[in-house]
PDB file of N, CA and C in Angstrom:
ATOM      1  N   MET A   1      35.599 109.724 -45.204  1.00  0.00           N
ATOM      2  CA  MET A   1      36.934 108.722 -45.751  1.00  0.00           C
ATOM      3  C   MET A   1      38.131 108.903 -45.176  1.00  0.00           C
ATOM      4  N   VAL A   2      38.271 110.601 -44.729  1.00  0.00           N
ATOM      5  CA  VAL A   2      39.435 110.827 -44.581  1.00  0.00           C
ATOM      6  C   VAL A   2      39.966 110.109 -43.169  1.00  0.00           C
ATOM      7  N   ALA A   3      38.787 109.640 -42.514  1.00  0.00           N
ATOM      8  CA  ALA A   3      39.086 109.011 -41.328  1.00  0.00           C
ATOM      9  C   ALA A   3      39.297 108.047 -41.196  1.00  0.00           C
ATOM     10  N   LYS A   4      38.996 107.395 -42.122  1.00  0.00           N
ATOM     11  CA  LYS A   4      39.342 106.059 -42.320  1.00  0.00           C
ATOM     12  C   LYS A   4      40.815 106.079 -42.454  1.00  0.00           C
ATOM     13  N   ILE A   5      41.148 106.884 -43.746  1.00  0.00           N
ATOM     14  CA  ILE A   5      42.676 106.725 -44.001  1.00  0.00           C
ATOM     15  C   ILE A   5      43.199 107.328 -42.788  1.00  0.00           C
ATOM     16  N   TRP A   6      43.495 108.604 -41.791  1.00  0.00           N
ATOM     17  CA  TRP A   6      43.969 108.568 -40.636  1.00  0.00           C
ATOM     18  C   TRP A   6      44.432 107.587 -39.727  1.00  0.00           C
ATOM     19  N   LYS A   7      43.014 106.714 -39.480  1.00  0.00           N
ATOM     20  CA  LYS A   7      42.844 105.197 -38.366  1.00  0.00           C
ATOM     21  C   LYS A   7      43.816 104.316 -39.112  1.00  0.00           C
ATOM     22  N   LYS A   8      43.704 103.907 -40.544  1.00  0.00           N
ATOM     23  CA  LYS A   8      44.519 102.847 -40.893  1.00  0.00           C
ATOM     24  C   LYS A   8      46.415 103.288 -40.868  1.00  0.00           C
ATOM     25  N   LEU A   9      46.026 104.551 -40.653  1.00  0.00           N
ATOM     26  CA  LEU A   9      47.634 105.075 -41.081  1.00  0.00           C
ATOM     27  C   LEU A   9      48.039 105.065 -39.193  1.00  0.00           C
ATOM     28  N   LEU A  10      47.713 105.423 -38.082  1.00  0.00           N
ATOM     29  CA  LEU A  10      47.770 105.557 -36.987  1.00  0.00           C
ATOM     30  C   LEU A  10      48.230 104.107 -36.765  1.00  0.00           C
ATOM     31  N   LEU A  11      47.009 103.272 -36.905  1.00  0.00           N
ATOM     32  CA  LEU A  11      47.229 101.717 -36.405  1.00  0.00           C
ATOM     33  C   LEU A  11      48.504 101.507 -37.036  1.00  0.00           C
ATOM     34  N   PHE A  12      48.559 101.180 -38.613  1.00  0.00           N
ATOM     35  CA  PHE A  12      49.777 101.149 -38.926  1.00  0.00           C
ATOM     36  C   PHE A  12      51.135 101.786 -37.961  1.00  0.00           C
ATOM     37  N   ILE A  13      51.488 102.737 -37.840  1.00  0.00           N
ATOM     38  CA  ILE A  13      52.342 103.668 -37.397  1.00  0.00           C
ATOM     39  C   ILE A  13      52.814 102.768 -35.542  1.00  0.00           C
ATOM     40  N   LEU A  14      51.658 102.247 -34.753  1.00  0.00           N
ATOM     41  CA  LEU A  14      51.121 101.730 -33.696  1.00  0.00           C
ATOM     42  C   LEU A  14      52.226 100.563 -33.965  1.00  0.00           C
ATOM     43  N   LEU A  15      51.387  99.845 -34.531  1.00  0.00           N
ATOM     44  CA  LEU A  15      52.112  98.817 -34.916  1.00  0.00           C
ATOM     45  C   LEU A  15      53.399  98.720 -35.435  1.00  0.00           C
ATOM     46  N   ILE A  16      54.082  99.422 -36.279  1.00  0.00           N
ATOM     47  CA  ILE A  16      55.198  99.630 -36.010  1.00  0.00           C
ATOM     48  C   ILE A  16      56.023 100.252 -34.616  1.00  0.00           C
ATOM     49  N   ALA A  17      55.792 101.064 -34.577  1.00  0.00           N
ATOM     50  CA  ALA A  17      56.406 101.092 -32.938  1.00  0.00           C
ATOM     51  C   ALA A  17      56.649  99.837 -31.717  1.00  0.00           C
ATOM     52  N   CYS A  18      55.560  99.251 -31.778  1.00  0.00           N
ATOM     53  CA  CYS A  18      54.977  97.965 -31.011  1.00  0.00           C
ATOM     54  C   CYS A  18      56.452  96.788 -31.179  1.00  0.00           C
ATOM     55  N   LEU A  19      56.383  96.940 -32.525  1.00  0.00           N
ATOM     56  CA  LEU A  19      56.888  95.782 -33.279  1.00  0.00           C
ATOM     57  C   LEU A  19      59.075  96.737 -32.664  1.00  0.00           C
ATOM     58  N   PHE A  20      58.788  97.301 -32.922  1.00  0.00           N
ATOM     59  CA  PHE A  20      60.106  98.189 -33.024  1.00  0.00           C
ATOM     60  C   PHE A  20      60.637  98.158 -31.571  1.00  0.00           C
ATOM     61  N   ASN A  21      59.827  98.187 -30.671  1.00  0.00           N
ATOM     62  CA  ASN A  21      60.261  98.426 -28.949  1.00  0.00           C
ATOM     63  C   ASN A  21      60.542  96.460 -28.984  1.00  0.00           C
ATOM     64  N   VAL A  22      59.855  95.496 -29.234  1.00  0.00           N
ATOM     65  CA  VAL A  22      60.037  94.489 -28.784  1.00  0.00           C
ATOM     66  C   VAL A  22      61.495  94.159 -29.606  1.00  0.00           C
ATOM     67  N   VAL A  23      61.668  94.250 -30.455  1.00  0.00           N
ATOM     68  CA  VAL A  23      63.079  93.987 -31.694  1.00  0.00           C
ATOM     69  C   VAL A  23      63.485  94.707 -30.772  1.00  0.00           C
ATOM     70  N   ILE A  24      63.697  96.000 -30.132  1.00  0.00           N
ATOM     71  CA  ILE A  24      65.298  96.715 -28.876  1.00  0.00           C
ATOM     72  C   ILE A  24      65.510  96.106 -27.889  1.00  0.00           C
ATOM     73  N   LYS A  25      64.380  95.509 -27.335  1.00  0.00           N
ATOM     74  CA  LYS A  25      64.606  95.225 -25.937  1.00  0.00           C
ATOM     75  C   LYS A  25      64.708  93.468 -26.001  1.00  0.00           C
ATOM     76  N   MET A  26      64.796  92.969 -27.210  1.00  0.00           N
ATOM     77  CA  MET A  26      65.338  91.308 -27.618  1.00  0.00           C
ATOM     78  C   MET A  26      66.831  92.079 -27.803  1.00  0.00           C
ATOM     79  N   VAL A  27      67.138  92.760 -28.868  1.00  0.00           N
ATOM     80  CA  VAL A  27      68.431  93.065 -28.984  1.00  0.00           C
ATOM     81  C   VAL A  27      69.533  92.938 -27.646  1.00  0.00           C
ATOM     82  N   SER A  28      68.925  94.265 -27.017  1.00  0.00           N
ATOM     83  CA  SER A  28      69.944  94.548 -26.039  1.00  0.00           C
ATOM     84  C   SER A  28      70.141  94.004 -24.783  1.00  0.00           C
ATOM     85  N   LYS A  29      68.710  93.121 -24.431  1.00  0.00           N
ATOM     86  CA  LYS A  29      68.573  92.395 -23.657  1.00  0.00           C
ATOM     87  C   LYS A  29      69.987  91.567 -22.880  1.00  0.00           C
ATOM     88  N   SER A  30      70.525  91.532 -21.865  1.00  0.00           N
ATOM     89  CA  SER A  30      72.003  90.741 -21.352  1.00  0.00           C
ATOM     90  C   SER A  30      71.278  89.856 -20.944  1.00  0.00           C
ATOM     91  N   SER A  31      72.126  88.386 -21.036  1.00  0.00           N
ATOM     92  CA  SER A  31      71.632  87.142 -20.508  1.00  0.00           C
ATOM     93  C   SER A  31      71.936  87.180 -19.019  1.00  0.00           C
ATOM     94  N   LEU A  32      70.989  86.009 -18.692  1.00  0.00           N
ATOM     95  CA  LEU A  32      70.633  86.065 -16.927  1.00  0.00           C
ATOM     96  C   LEU A  32      72.085  85.645 -16.214  1.00  0.00           C
ATOM     97  N   GLN A  33      72.764  84.809 -16.987  1.00  0.00           N
ATOM     98  CA  GLN A  33      74.124  84.321 -16.816  1.00  0.00           C
ATOM     99  C   GLN A  33      75.054  85.422 -16.438  1.00  0.00           C
ATOM    100  N   ASP A  34      74.920  86.418 -17.495  1.00  0.00           N
ATOM    101  CA  ASP A  34      76.117  87.511 -17.244  1.00  0.00           C
ATOM    102  C   ASP A  34      75.702  88.629 -16.586  1.00  0.00           C
ATOM    103  N   GLU A  35      74.273  88.655 -15.885  1.00  0.00           N
ATOM    104  CA  GLU A  35      73.959  89.881 -14.401  1.00  0.00           C
ATOM    105  C   GLU A  35      73.993  88.660 -13.379  1.00  0.00           C
ATOM    106  N   LEU A  36      74.197  87.353 -13.489  1.00  0.00           N
ATOM    107  CA  LEU A  36      74.609  86.472 -12.096  1.00  0.00           C
ATOM    108  C   LEU A  36      75.648  86.610 -11.913  1.00  0.00           C
ATOM    109  N   GLN A  37      76.926  86.223 -13.129  1.00  0.00           N
ATOM    110  CA  GLN A  37      78.315  86.442 -12.550  1.00  0.00           C
ATOM    111  C   GLN A  37      78.854  87.842 -12.391  1.00  0.00           C
ATOM    112  N   SER A  38      77.651  88.726 -12.903  1.00  0.00           N
ATOM    113  CA  SER A  38      78.535  90.416 -12.270  1.00  0.00           C
ATOM    114  C   SER A  38      78.045  90.505 -11.170  1.00  0.00           C
ATOM    115  N   SER A  39      76.899  89.992 -10.195  1.00  0.00           N
ATOM    116  CA  SER A  39      75.974  90.404  -9.208  1.00  0.00           C
ATOM    117  C   SER A  39      77.132  89.940  -8.115  1.00  0.00           C
ATOM    118  N   ALA A  40      77.946  88.184  -8.392  1.00  0.00           N
ATOM    119  CA  ALA A  40      78.772  87.166  -7.695  1.00  0.00           C
ATOM    120  C   ALA A  40      80.110  87.671  -7.297  1.00  0.00           C
ATOM    121  N   GLN A  41      80.814  88.778  -8.488  1.00  0.00           N
ATOM    122  CA  GLN A  41      81.737  89.305  -8.519  1.00  0.00           C
ATOM    123  C   GLN A  41      81.963  90.574  -7.668  1.00  0.00           C
ATOM    124  N   TYR A  42      80.607  91.601  -7.571  1.00  0.00           N
ATOM    125  CA  TYR A  42      80.375  92.847  -7.035  1.00  0.00           C
ATOM    126  C   TYR A  42      80.076  92.367  -5.650  1.00  0.00           C
ATOM    127  N   ILE A  43      79.502  91.126  -5.060  1.00  0.00           N
ATOM    128  CA  ILE A  43      79.420  90.834  -3.424  1.00  0.00           C
ATOM    129  C   ILE A  43      80.763  90.367  -3.260  1.00  0.00           C
ATOM    130  N   GLU A  44      81.659  89.628  -4.397  1.00  0.00           N
ATOM    131  CA  GLU A  44      83.395  88.701  -3.357  1.00  0.00           C
ATOM    132  C   GLU A  44      83.821  90.019  -3.158  1.00  0.00           C
ATOM    133  N   GLN A  45      83.562  91.663  -4.466  1.00  0.00           N
ATOM    134  CA  GLN A  45      84.240  92.469  -4.231  1.00  0.00           C
ATOM    135  C   GLN A  45      84.141  93.147  -2.822  1.00  0.00           C
ATOM    136  N   GLN A  46      83.254  93.412  -2.490  1.00  0.00           N
ATOM    137  CA  GLN A  46      82.849  94.490  -1.088  1.00  0.00           C
ATOM    138  C   GLN A  46      83.135  92.749  -0.229  1.00  0.00           C
ATOM    139  N   GLN A  47      82.487  91.935   0.150  1.00  0.00           N
ATOM    140  CA  GLN A  47      83.081  90.956   1.047  1.00  0.00           C
ATOM    141  C   GLN A  47      84.539  91.436   1.099  1.00  0.00           C
ATOM    142  N   THR A  48      85.568  90.938   0.101  1.00  0.00           N
ATOM    143  CA  THR A  48      86.640  91.771   0.702  1.00  0.00           C
ATOM    144  C   THR A  48      87.422  92.872   1.079  1.00  0.00           C
ATOM    145  N   LYS A  49      86.402  93.750   0.812  1.00  0.00           N
ATOM    146  CA  LYS A  49      86.546  95.102   1.342  1.00  0.00           C
ATOM    147  C   LYS A  49      86.528  95.198   2.737  1.00  0.00           C
ATOM    148  N   ASN A  50      85.319  94.559   3.140  1.00  0.00           N
ATOM    149  CA  ASN A  50      85.247  94.496   4.814  1.00  0.00           C
ATOM    150  C   ASN A  50      85.858  93.735   5.236  1.00  0.00           C
ATOM    151  N   GLU A  51      86.649  92.659   5.118  1.00  0.00           N
ATOM    152  CA  GLU A  51      87.408  91.737   6.071  1.00  0.00           C
ATOM    153  C   GLU A  51      88.520  92.814   5.682  1.00  0.00           C
ATOM    154  N   ILE A  52      88.984  93.661   5.055  1.00  0.00           N
ATOM    155  CA  ILE A  52      90.438  94.273   5.185  1.00  0.00           C
ATOM    156  C   ILE A  52      89.858  95.350   5.677  1.00  0.00           C
ATOM    157  N   SER A  53      88.964  96.159   6.193  1.00  0.00           N
ATOM    158  CA  SER A  53      88.893  97.406   6.901  1.00  0.00           C
ATOM    159  C   SER A  53      88.266  96.378   8.277  1.00  0.00           C
ATOM    160  N   LYS A  54      88.082  95.208   8.803  1.00  0.00           N
ATOM    161  CA  LYS A  54      88.173  95.123   9.789  1.00  0.00           C
ATOM    162  C   LYS A  54      89.060  94.901  10.682  1.00  0.00           C
TER     163      LYS A  54
END
């Protein structure tokens, strides 16, 4: 009897943890366009620094 209760309780906790993990990843995920834009700006800055130092 107690084992059934613990099993259901732990399954419920696992379910909540998985849902929480998915929601956190969806909320804090930055868009691909933002990532690409920041990468392009970084590359441009590095190329400008390399041209100045030559």
